[in-house]
Amino acid sequence: MFQDFRLVGDRPVPIQVKEYVKRLIIRGALQADQKLPSTREMSGLLKVSRNTVIAAYEDLAEDGYTYAIPGQGSYVAAMSHSAADPGGAACQIDWKARMNEYAVSAVELDGMKQGIRAPKGVISFTSIAPDEQLFDLGDVKRAFMDRMAIEGQVLLNYGYAKGYKPLIDYLLRYMENKGVDISGKDMLITSGFTEGFDMVLSLLRPSARRGAAICENPTHNTAIKNLKLQGFEITGIPMERDGIDVDQLEAILQKQTSSFDVAYLTPSYHNPTGIVMSPAKRSAVMKLMTRYQIPVIEDGFNEELRYSGAHVAPLIATAGQGNGVIYIGSFSKVLFPGLRVGWVLGDRALIDTLESIKRARTIHTSTIDQSILYQYLLNGNFDKYVKKARAEYKRKYELTKACCEAHLPEAQLSGDGGLHLFLTFPTGVNTHQLLVACTTEGVIFTPGDKFFIQEGEGTNTMRLGFSRVTDENIERGIQIIGEQARRFI
């Protein structure tokens, strides 16, 4: 016994010794009232200092795993129960058989489980996360220390379901600066976009047995997944060069016998196409939504990564004092995805209900995350960072676009900014087959069909995320895709 002890990593040695002895006790390798080796003997057996063993024994006694008899040593305490009863029947449950429809669908729709894993050295165009090399760690550390110095003890306790008030106040002003009329509106802080979207869908009462949603086609695959998990039938409207096809949208709305329960739209740097909806179309879309009384969930995806052209007001700004738009925002693609902070801006009564749903589900979003983000914004770091990020991503965007035009001339490109480009090949090209061919050459990308509403759509499309790819790999990777694509054209 005691020959299998090994130190692992940089954890304090007394804690590792304590946990090792505790595991022996729990497993029954050390029995109740059995005398432990003396501290001097144990230090020799485990090849650690005697003081380390003394500290470990003290902690074991404090936790109730051992007891000491003065002048005699340490003994194993009797356990009130064992980890496993050898004489008892082991319960075996068929968990898959007990899973409900939501759970089964969540697995089936989980693209991460079904996607390609990128081995080391592979050129991967699958990510649209920000490049961590741009993160200004000094400013983030400063924001953390500043906020902890002000109210650190409070931040380590429970927070409020609605969110951290200083951050809410800051973000309300931030949205006002985008042209949003916040009268009659309120805000809830969420753990990123996905949680906010899921909660909003969960409170909508469908007009029929199943909910009916309308959105751009293609659209954000996470949104498709959550709409389906919440039981919505989805109708997709094709995209044009300047956004959703308004004529098709109007035709669908006129034809639909029952009303849609919600519209999900991403007007700026749309995922996956990268298209920015024109001001004229934004106005036309909002008039149609108002006429047919359809609430809109607006995804504020990547709005800040504008490379050129004038600022375009979000749909919620176009709505004025109307309450028909629910705006879901996040800095995940612009700042730091590791800080899971997003927000929902909408009608005050809606936010009041969402607050109760949030409290029932997760109590609140991490207060430390919220406070770090708030202090970072308050310190004036955001504008400085976004300026740097825009310059770098614009450079990569133009490089990626030029490489696509050179090596993939048959593909139609879309994307006005952001962190990716969307390519549409001639009809005969299947990008899943192309992906298999490129994988053998060390390049992977995201086939575009996962962003389309109906199965079998978009099989000739792909999304190329360039944000985390080096210049050299952008050039080399797109060249390889072009070489392989010519075999399918």
Protein backbone atom coordinates (compact mmCIF):
# COMPACT_ATOMS: atom_id res chain seq x y z
CA MET A 1 0.00 0.00 0.00
CA PHE A 2 0.97 3.64 -0.54
CA GLN A 3 3.25 2.69 -3.44
CA ASP A 4 0.93 4.16 -6.10
CA PHE A 5 1.05 7.77 -4.84
CA ARG A 6 2.13 10.22 -7.55
CA LEU A 7 2.28 14.02 -7.45
CA VAL A 8 0.25 15.59 -10.28
CA GLY A 9 0.59 19.13 -11.61
CA ASP A 10 1.16 22.20 -9.46
CA ARG A 11 -1.52 21.65 -6.83
CA PRO A 12 -0.33 22.06 -3.20
CA VAL A 13 1.32 18.80 -2.06
CA PRO A 14 -0.52 18.59 1.34
CA ILE A 15 -3.85 18.67 -0.52
CA GLN A 16 -2.72 15.89 -2.86
CA VAL A 17 -1.62 13.74 0.12
CA LYS A 18 -4.89 14.41 1.92
CA GLU A 19 -6.99 13.47 -1.12
CA TYR A 20 -4.91 10.34 -1.72
CA VAL A 21 -5.45 9.05 1.83
CA LYS A 22 -9.12 10.07 1.67
CA ARG A 23 -9.60 7.98 -1.50
CA LEU A 24 -8.08 4.95 0.25
CA ILE A 25 -10.50 5.40 3.15
CA ILE A 26 -13.55 5.83 0.91
CA ARG A 27 -12.66 2.77 -1.18
CA GLY A 28 -12.25 0.69 1.99
CA ALA A 29 -8.52 0.07 1.49
CA LEU A 30 -8.08 1.62 4.94
CA GLN A 31 -10.58 0.25 7.47
CA ALA A 32 -12.29 1.95 10.41
CA ASP A 33 -10.07 2.29 13.49
CA GLN A 34 -6.99 1.22 11.50
CA LYS A 35 -3.87 3.08 12.61
CA LEU A 36 -2.24 5.23 9.95
CA PRO A 37 1.54 5.23 9.56
CA SER A 38 3.26 7.85 11.68
CA THR A 39 3.93 11.19 10.02
CA ARG A 40 7.64 10.34 9.79
CA GLU A 41 6.92 6.90 8.30
CA MET A 42 4.31 8.23 5.84
CA SER A 43 6.67 10.96 4.63
CA GLY A 44 9.16 8.25 3.73
CA LEU A 45 6.54 6.08 2.01
CA LEU A 46 5.14 8.94 -0.07
CA LYS A 47 8.50 10.71 -0.53
CA VAL A 48 7.20 14.05 0.74
CA SER A 49 8.21 16.19 3.71
CA ARG A 50 7.01 15.36 7.21
CA ASN A 51 5.40 18.79 7.54
CA THR A 52 3.36 17.99 4.42
CA VAL A 53 2.03 14.81 6.05
CA ILE A 54 1.30 16.63 9.30
CA ALA A 55 -0.78 19.22 7.40
CA ALA A 56 -2.61 16.48 5.47
CA TYR A 57 -3.41 14.51 8.66
CA GLU A 58 -4.75 17.66 10.33
CA ASP A 59 -7.07 18.34 7.38
CA LEU A 60 -8.27 14.71 7.30
CA ALA A 61 -9.16 14.91 10.99
CA GLU A 62 -10.94 18.24 10.48
CA ASP A 63 -12.99 16.71 7.64
CA GLY A 64 -13.97 13.73 9.82
CA TYR A 65 -12.01 11.04 7.97
CA THR A 66 -9.53 10.36 10.80
CA TYR A 67 -9.19 10.92 14.53
CA ALA A 68 -6.10 11.31 16.71
CA ILE A 69 -5.35 9.66 20.05
CA PRO A 70 -2.79 11.73 21.96
CA GLY A 71 0.49 9.89 22.27
CA GLN A 72 -0.65 7.06 19.96
CA GLY A 73 -1.18 8.54 16.51
CA SER A 74 -3.91 8.94 13.84
CA TYR A 75 -6.65 6.39 13.14
CA VAL A 76 -9.26 5.95 10.40
CA ALA A 77 -12.71 7.15 11.46
CA ALA A 78 -15.74 4.93 10.92
CA MET A 79 -17.64 5.87 7.76
CA SER A 80 -21.40 6.38 8.05
CA HIS A 81 -21.71 4.75 4.61
CA SER A 82 -19.39 3.30 2.00
CA ALA A 83 -19.02 4.51 -1.57
CA ALA A 84 -20.40 1.21 -2.86
CA ASP A 85 -22.14 -1.55 -0.96
CA PRO A 86 -20.60 -4.84 -2.17
CA GLY A 87 -23.63 -6.76 -1.00
CA GLY A 88 -26.18 -4.45 -2.58
CA ALA A 89 -27.70 -4.70 -6.06
CA ALA A 90 -26.15 -2.27 -8.56
CA CYS A 91 -28.93 -0.21 -10.13
CA GLN A 92 -28.67 -0.03 -13.92
CA ILE A 93 -30.95 2.42 -15.73
CA ASP A 94 -31.43 2.59 -19.49
CA TRP A 95 -31.14 6.37 -19.63
CA LYS A 96 -31.61 6.62 -23.39
CA ALA A 97 -35.01 4.96 -23.06
CA ARG A 98 -36.02 7.55 -20.45
CA MET A 99 -35.01 10.65 -22.39
CA ASN A 100 -37.77 12.93 -23.62
CA GLU A 101 -38.18 14.31 -27.14
CA TYR A 102 -36.35 17.54 -26.28
CA ALA A 103 -33.26 15.65 -25.08
CA VAL A 104 -33.18 13.30 -28.08
CA SER A 105 -33.57 16.24 -30.49
CA ALA A 106 -30.82 18.19 -28.71
CA VAL A 107 -28.37 15.36 -29.41
CA GLU A 108 -29.52 14.99 -33.03
CA LEU A 109 -29.17 18.73 -33.66
CA ASP A 110 -25.82 19.07 -31.87
CA GLY A 111 -23.55 20.13 -34.70
CA MET A 112 -20.46 20.17 -32.48
CA LYS A 113 -20.79 16.43 -31.82
CA GLN A 114 -21.24 15.66 -35.48
CA GLY A 115 -18.63 18.09 -36.83
CA ILE A 116 -15.08 17.41 -37.87
CA ARG A 117 -12.41 17.60 -35.16
CA ALA A 118 -9.39 19.54 -36.36
CA PRO A 119 -6.12 17.71 -35.63
CA LYS A 120 -3.05 19.77 -34.88
CA GLY A 121 -1.59 21.33 -38.00
CA VAL A 122 -4.85 21.38 -39.97
CA ILE A 123 -5.84 24.72 -41.53
CA SER A 124 -9.30 25.32 -40.06
CA PHE A 125 -11.78 27.83 -41.49
CA THR A 126 -14.58 26.55 -39.21
CA SER A 127 -14.33 29.12 -36.41
CA ILE A 128 -15.80 32.62 -36.34
CA ALA A 129 -14.55 33.32 -32.82
CA PRO A 130 -12.37 36.39 -32.29
CA ASP A 131 -8.60 36.06 -32.52
CA GLU A 132 -7.31 35.82 -28.94
CA GLN A 133 -4.02 37.38 -30.05
CA LEU A 134 -5.92 40.69 -30.20
CA PHE A 135 -7.14 40.48 -26.60
CA ASP A 136 -5.68 43.28 -24.47
CA LEU A 137 -4.98 41.27 -21.32
CA GLY A 138 -3.50 44.24 -19.47
CA ASP A 139 -6.74 46.21 -19.75
CA VAL A 140 -8.82 43.18 -18.74
CA LYS A 141 -6.65 42.55 -15.66
CA ARG A 142 -6.88 46.22 -14.76
CA ALA A 143 -10.68 46.14 -15.07
CA PHE A 144 -10.83 43.07 -12.83
CA MET A 145 -8.59 44.60 -10.16
CA ASP A 146 -10.40 47.95 -10.30
CA ARG A 147 -13.80 46.38 -9.78
CA MET A 148 -12.67 43.93 -7.11
CA ALA A 149 -11.08 46.80 -5.19
CA ILE A 150 -14.38 48.68 -5.23
CA GLU A 151 -16.85 45.90 -4.33
CA GLY A 152 -15.06 42.54 -4.48
CA GLN A 153 -16.87 40.94 -1.53
CA VAL A 154 -20.26 41.84 -2.99
CA LEU A 155 -19.32 40.45 -6.41
CA LEU A 156 -18.47 37.06 -4.90
CA ASN A 157 -21.96 36.71 -3.44
CA TYR A 158 -25.28 36.07 -5.20
CA GLY A 159 -26.33 38.63 -7.78
CA TYR A 160 -29.67 39.67 -9.26
CA ALA A 161 -31.60 37.72 -11.89
CA LYS A 162 -32.14 40.84 -13.94
CA GLY A 163 -28.41 41.58 -13.99
CA TYR A 164 -25.70 43.85 -12.61
CA LYS A 165 -27.29 47.30 -12.50
CA PRO A 166 -24.20 49.36 -13.47
CA LEU A 167 -23.82 47.21 -16.59
CA ILE A 168 -27.54 47.46 -17.43
CA ASP A 169 -27.40 51.27 -17.15
CA TYR A 170 -24.28 51.39 -19.33
CA LEU A 171 -25.79 49.13 -22.01
CA LEU A 172 -29.05 51.07 -22.06
CA ARG A 173 -27.04 54.21 -22.90
CA TYR A 174 -25.05 52.18 -25.43
CA MET A 175 -28.27 51.15 -27.19
CA GLU A 176 -29.57 54.74 -27.05
CA ASN A 177 -26.41 55.76 -28.90
CA LYS A 178 -27.44 53.31 -31.65
CA GLY A 179 -30.64 55.34 -32.07
CA VAL A 180 -32.91 53.15 -29.93
CA ASP A 181 -35.81 54.79 -28.08
CA ILE A 182 -35.65 53.04 -24.69
CA SER A 183 -38.85 54.55 -23.28
CA GLY A 184 -41.13 51.72 -22.15
CA LYS A 185 -38.26 49.25 -22.52
CA ASP A 186 -35.98 47.44 -20.10
CA MET A 187 -33.02 45.08 -20.18
CA LEU A 188 -32.07 41.64 -18.83
CA ILE A 189 -28.48 40.35 -18.71
CA THR A 190 -28.00 36.79 -19.97
CA SER A 191 -25.17 34.29 -20.32
CA GLY A 192 -24.61 35.10 -23.99
CA PHE A 193 -26.96 35.26 -26.98
CA THR A 194 -28.11 31.63 -26.89
CA GLU A 195 -29.56 31.75 -23.39
CA GLY A 196 -31.44 34.96 -24.16
CA PHE A 197 -32.83 33.54 -27.40
CA ASP A 198 -33.92 30.30 -25.75
CA MET A 199 -35.66 32.15 -22.90
CA VAL A 200 -37.52 34.50 -25.27
CA LEU A 201 -38.76 31.53 -27.32
CA SER A 202 -39.87 29.73 -24.16
CA LEU A 203 -42.27 32.51 -23.16
CA LEU A 204 -44.01 32.89 -26.53
CA ARG A 205 -47.49 31.39 -26.68
CA PRO A 206 -48.00 29.73 -30.07
CA SER A 207 -51.12 30.69 -32.03
CA ALA A 208 -51.59 27.06 -33.07
CA ARG A 209 -50.59 23.63 -31.70
CA ARG A 210 -47.04 24.25 -32.86
CA GLY A 211 -45.38 27.64 -33.02
CA ALA A 212 -44.63 29.22 -36.42
CA ALA A 213 -41.45 31.20 -37.02
CA ILE A 214 -40.15 33.09 -40.02
CA CYS A 215 -36.50 33.90 -40.69
CA GLU A 216 -33.88 34.48 -43.34
CA ASN A 217 -32.72 31.43 -45.27
CA PRO A 218 -29.93 30.55 -44.64
CA THR A 219 -29.57 31.66 -41.02
CA HIS A 220 -27.69 31.06 -37.77
CA ASN A 221 -27.63 27.29 -37.18
CA THR A 222 -27.89 27.71 -33.38
CA ALA A 223 -31.10 29.68 -33.89
CA ILE A 224 -32.49 26.93 -36.15
CA LYS A 225 -31.63 24.35 -33.49
CA ASN A 226 -33.31 26.26 -30.67
CA LEU A 227 -36.41 27.05 -32.72
CA LYS A 228 -36.81 23.36 -33.50
CA LEU A 229 -36.18 22.33 -29.88
CA GLN A 230 -38.88 24.76 -28.76
CA GLY A 231 -41.31 23.19 -31.25
CA PHE A 232 -41.48 25.93 -33.89
CA GLU A 233 -42.20 25.23 -37.56
CA ILE A 234 -39.74 27.41 -39.51
CA THR A 235 -40.39 29.17 -42.80
CA GLY A 236 -37.28 30.51 -44.50
CA ILE A 237 -37.16 33.52 -46.82
CA PRO A 238 -34.32 33.66 -49.39
CA MET A 239 -31.58 36.26 -49.15
CA GLU A 240 -30.70 38.84 -51.78
CA ARG A 241 -27.52 40.88 -52.07
CA ASP A 242 -28.85 43.55 -49.72
CA GLY A 243 -30.75 41.32 -47.31
CA ILE A 244 -33.95 39.33 -47.06
CA ASP A 245 -36.15 39.12 -50.19
CA VAL A 246 -38.94 41.50 -49.14
CA ASP A 247 -41.25 40.55 -52.03
CA GLN A 248 -41.07 36.87 -51.06
CA LEU A 249 -41.59 37.79 -47.43
CA GLU A 250 -44.74 39.74 -48.26
CA ALA A 251 -46.03 36.93 -50.49
CA ILE A 252 -45.56 34.37 -47.69
CA LEU A 253 -47.28 36.60 -45.15
CA GLN A 254 -50.25 37.14 -47.50
CA LYS A 255 -50.51 33.44 -48.26
CA GLN A 256 -50.17 32.14 -44.68
CA THR A 257 -53.60 31.28 -43.32
CA SER A 258 -52.58 31.62 -39.66
CA SER A 259 -50.22 34.22 -38.22
CA PHE A 260 -46.55 33.69 -37.49
CA ASP A 261 -45.65 33.79 -33.80
CA VAL A 262 -42.22 35.33 -34.27
CA ALA A 263 -39.64 36.45 -36.83
CA TYR A 264 -35.95 35.93 -36.21
CA LEU A 265 -33.71 38.31 -38.18
CA THR A 266 -30.01 39.20 -38.28
CA PRO A 267 -29.84 42.46 -40.22
CA SER A 268 -26.11 43.20 -39.81
CA TYR A 269 -23.23 40.92 -40.90
CA HIS A 270 -25.72 38.11 -41.13
CA ASN A 271 -24.54 34.63 -40.17
CA PRO A 272 -23.64 32.87 -42.43
CA THR A 273 -23.88 35.16 -45.51
CA GLY A 274 -22.23 38.24 -43.95
CA ILE A 275 -24.80 40.48 -45.68
CA VAL A 276 -25.89 43.80 -44.19
CA MET A 277 -29.58 44.53 -44.76
CA SER A 278 -30.06 47.88 -46.52
CA PRO A 279 -31.87 50.74 -44.73
CA ALA A 280 -34.71 50.57 -47.29
CA LYS A 281 -35.26 46.89 -46.62
CA ARG A 282 -35.14 47.40 -42.86
CA SER A 283 -37.92 49.92 -43.15
CA ALA A 284 -39.96 47.67 -45.48
CA VAL A 285 -39.52 44.63 -43.23
CA MET A 286 -40.63 46.52 -40.13
CA LYS A 287 -43.73 47.83 -41.94
CA LEU A 288 -44.68 44.25 -42.84
CA MET A 289 -44.07 43.00 -39.29
CA THR A 290 -46.22 45.82 -37.94
CA ARG A 291 -49.01 45.18 -40.45
CA TYR A 292 -49.14 41.46 -39.62
CA GLN A 293 -48.46 41.95 -35.89
CA ILE A 294 -45.45 39.65 -35.81
CA PRO A 295 -42.93 40.20 -33.00
CA VAL A 296 -39.30 40.32 -34.15
CA ILE A 297 -36.27 38.87 -32.40
CA GLU A 298 -33.32 40.88 -33.68
CA ASP A 299 -29.89 39.28 -33.42
CA GLY A 300 -27.31 42.06 -32.97
CA PHE A 301 -24.58 39.75 -34.26
CA ASN A 302 -21.27 41.47 -35.08
CA GLU A 303 -22.80 44.95 -35.52
CA GLU A 304 -19.60 46.59 -34.30
CA LEU A 305 -17.37 44.97 -36.95
CA ARG A 306 -18.28 47.48 -39.67
CA TYR A 307 -15.39 47.92 -42.09
CA SER A 308 -16.81 50.55 -44.41
CA GLY A 309 -19.95 52.53 -45.12
CA ALA A 310 -22.21 54.49 -42.79
CA HIS A 311 -23.71 53.14 -39.59
CA VAL A 312 -27.05 51.41 -40.18
CA ALA A 313 -29.54 51.63 -37.32
CA PRO A 314 -30.77 48.32 -35.87
CA LEU A 315 -34.38 47.23 -36.42
CA ILE A 316 -35.27 48.10 -32.83
CA ALA A 317 -34.26 51.71 -33.60
CA THR A 318 -36.41 51.66 -36.74
CA ALA A 319 -39.35 50.60 -34.55
CA GLY A 320 -39.21 53.88 -32.58
CA GLN A 321 -41.47 53.76 -29.52
CA GLY A 322 -43.07 50.53 -30.73
CA ASN A 323 -42.49 47.44 -28.61
CA GLY A 324 -42.57 44.79 -31.34
CA VAL A 325 -38.79 44.18 -31.50
CA ILE A 326 -36.79 42.17 -28.97
CA TYR A 327 -33.09 42.92 -29.41
CA ILE A 328 -30.56 40.30 -28.25
CA GLY A 329 -27.01 41.59 -28.04
CA SER A 330 -23.63 40.18 -27.11
CA PHE A 331 -19.97 41.15 -27.37
CA SER A 332 -18.91 37.51 -27.81
CA LYS A 333 -17.73 37.89 -31.41
CA VAL A 334 -16.27 41.34 -30.83
CA LEU A 335 -14.68 41.12 -27.38
CA PHE A 336 -14.27 38.02 -25.24
CA PRO A 337 -16.50 34.92 -25.65
CA GLY A 338 -15.10 33.59 -22.36
CA LEU A 339 -17.10 36.28 -20.55
CA ARG A 340 -20.56 34.82 -21.15
CA VAL A 341 -22.46 38.09 -21.09
CA GLY A 342 -25.30 39.07 -23.39
CA TRP A 343 -28.45 41.15 -23.03
CA VAL A 344 -32.10 41.24 -24.04
CA LEU A 345 -33.64 44.66 -24.67
CA GLY A 346 -37.41 44.78 -25.06
CA ASP A 347 -40.78 45.80 -23.72
CA ARG A 348 -40.74 46.35 -19.94
CA ALA A 349 -43.46 43.74 -19.29
CA LEU A 350 -41.58 41.20 -21.39
CA ILE A 351 -38.33 41.78 -19.46
CA ASP A 352 -40.21 41.47 -16.16
CA THR A 353 -41.36 37.97 -17.20
CA LEU A 354 -37.91 37.04 -18.52
CA GLU A 355 -36.45 38.01 -15.14
CA SER A 356 -38.64 35.39 -13.46
CA ILE A 357 -37.70 32.77 -16.06
CA LYS A 358 -34.01 33.58 -15.56
CA ARG A 359 -34.35 33.30 -11.78
CA ALA A 360 -36.06 29.92 -12.12
CA ARG A 361 -33.40 28.56 -14.49
CA THR A 362 -29.98 29.87 -13.51
CA ILE A 363 -30.62 32.45 -10.74
CA HIS A 364 -28.31 34.98 -12.42
CA THR A 365 -25.45 35.43 -14.87
CA SER A 366 -21.99 35.46 -13.27
CA THR A 367 -21.72 38.79 -11.45
CA ILE A 368 -17.93 38.76 -11.74
CA ASP A 369 -18.18 38.39 -15.53
CA GLN A 370 -20.68 41.24 -15.70
CA SER A 371 -18.63 43.52 -13.46
CA ILE A 372 -15.38 42.91 -15.37
CA LEU A 373 -17.12 43.74 -18.63
CA TYR A 374 -18.69 46.85 -17.08
CA GLN A 375 -15.38 48.15 -15.72
CA TYR A 376 -13.61 47.37 -19.02
CA LEU A 377 -16.23 49.41 -20.88
CA LEU A 378 -16.21 52.16 -18.23
CA ASN A 379 -12.41 52.47 -18.50
CA GLY A 380 -12.82 53.42 -22.18
CA ASN A 381 -11.12 50.29 -23.54
CA PHE A 382 -13.89 49.18 -25.88
CA ASP A 383 -13.49 51.83 -28.58
CA LYS A 384 -9.73 51.39 -28.59
CA TYR A 385 -10.04 47.61 -28.91
CA VAL A 386 -12.73 47.70 -31.60
CA LYS A 387 -10.64 50.11 -33.68
CA LYS A 388 -7.71 47.67 -33.53
CA ALA A 389 -9.95 44.65 -34.20
CA ARG A 390 -11.67 46.30 -37.17
CA ALA A 391 -8.33 47.13 -38.80
CA GLU A 392 -7.01 43.58 -38.38
CA TYR A 393 -10.19 41.79 -39.44
CA LYS A 394 -10.66 44.12 -42.41
CA ARG A 395 -7.14 43.24 -43.57
CA LYS A 396 -7.86 39.52 -43.19
CA TYR A 397 -11.25 39.93 -44.87
CA GLU A 398 -9.69 41.58 -47.92
CA LEU A 399 -6.94 38.94 -48.06
CA THR A 400 -9.48 36.09 -47.83
CA LYS A 401 -11.70 37.72 -50.47
CA ALA A 402 -8.75 38.19 -52.85
CA CYS A 403 -7.66 34.57 -52.37
CA CYS A 404 -11.20 33.32 -53.05
CA GLU A 405 -11.43 35.42 -56.21
CA ALA A 406 -8.06 34.04 -57.37
CA HIS A 407 -8.49 30.36 -56.49
CA LEU A 408 -12.29 29.93 -56.45
CA PRO A 409 -13.47 32.08 -59.39
CA GLU A 410 -16.50 29.80 -59.97
CA ALA A 411 -17.89 30.54 -56.49
CA GLN A 412 -20.16 33.50 -55.77
CA LEU A 413 -19.00 35.42 -52.68
CA SER A 414 -21.07 37.24 -50.08
CA GLY A 415 -20.01 39.05 -46.94
CA ASP A 416 -19.74 42.76 -46.16
CA GLY A 417 -17.57 42.40 -43.05
CA GLY A 418 -17.45 40.48 -39.82
CA LEU A 419 -15.35 37.35 -39.42
CA HIS A 420 -16.31 35.14 -42.35
CA LEU A 421 -17.20 34.86 -46.05
CA PHE A 422 -19.97 32.75 -47.59
CA LEU A 423 -19.40 30.96 -50.89
CA THR A 424 -21.97 29.52 -53.29
CA PHE A 425 -20.66 27.08 -55.91
CA PRO A 426 -22.36 25.89 -59.11
CA THR A 427 -25.23 23.49 -58.38
CA GLY A 428 -23.28 20.30 -59.05
CA VAL A 429 -20.69 20.91 -56.32
CA ASN A 430 -21.42 19.13 -53.02
CA THR A 431 -19.40 20.85 -50.29
CA HIS A 432 -19.59 17.82 -47.98
CA GLN A 433 -17.76 15.79 -50.62
CA LEU A 434 -15.41 18.73 -51.15
CA LEU A 435 -14.77 18.84 -47.39
CA VAL A 436 -13.77 15.16 -47.37
CA ALA A 437 -11.30 15.81 -50.20
CA CYS A 438 -9.88 18.92 -48.50
CA THR A 439 -9.57 17.16 -45.13
CA THR A 440 -7.13 14.67 -46.62
CA GLU A 441 -5.06 17.71 -47.70
CA GLY A 442 -5.15 19.28 -44.24
CA VAL A 443 -7.89 21.89 -44.69
CA ILE A 444 -11.38 22.04 -43.18
CA PHE A 445 -14.32 24.48 -43.46
CA THR A 446 -18.03 24.56 -42.59
CA PRO A 447 -20.41 23.18 -45.24
CA GLY A 448 -23.26 25.66 -45.71
CA ASP A 449 -26.23 23.30 -45.61
CA LYS A 450 -26.30 23.38 -41.79
CA PHE A 451 -27.50 27.01 -42.04
CA PHE A 452 -30.51 26.24 -44.25
CA ILE A 453 -34.00 25.49 -43.02
CA GLN A 454 -34.83 22.43 -45.10
CA GLU A 455 -32.68 19.34 -45.41
CA GLY A 456 -31.02 19.17 -48.83
CA GLU A 457 -30.76 22.96 -49.25
CA GLY A 458 -27.44 24.74 -49.59
CA THR A 459 -25.38 21.63 -50.35
CA ASN A 460 -23.29 23.74 -52.76
CA THR A 461 -22.37 26.39 -50.16
CA MET A 462 -19.71 26.87 -47.50
CA ARG A 463 -18.74 29.33 -44.78
CA LEU A 464 -15.10 30.35 -44.45
CA GLY A 465 -14.17 31.78 -41.05
CA PHE A 466 -10.86 33.62 -41.25
CA SER A 467 -10.57 35.38 -37.87
CA ARG A 468 -8.18 32.88 -36.27
CA VAL A 469 -6.25 31.81 -39.39
CA THR A 470 -2.79 33.21 -40.18
CA ASP A 471 -2.20 35.02 -43.47
CA GLU A 472 0.01 32.20 -44.71
CA ASN A 473 -2.65 29.59 -43.93
CA ILE A 474 -5.42 31.69 -45.48
CA GLU A 475 -3.52 31.74 -48.76
CA ARG A 476 -2.44 28.10 -48.61
CA GLY A 477 -5.82 26.82 -47.38
CA ILE A 478 -7.90 28.56 -50.04
CA GLN A 479 -5.46 27.43 -52.71
CA ILE A 480 -6.01 23.82 -51.58
CA ILE A 481 -9.80 24.27 -51.55
CA GLY A 482 -9.57 25.67 -55.09
CA GLU A 483 -7.47 22.75 -56.31
CA GLN A 484 -9.92 20.23 -54.87
CA ALA A 485 -13.02 22.18 -56.00
CA ARG A 486 -11.92 21.97 -59.64
CA ARG A 487 -12.35 18.20 -59.44
CA PHE A 488 -16.07 18.71 -58.71
CA ILE A 489 -16.84 21.43 -61.26
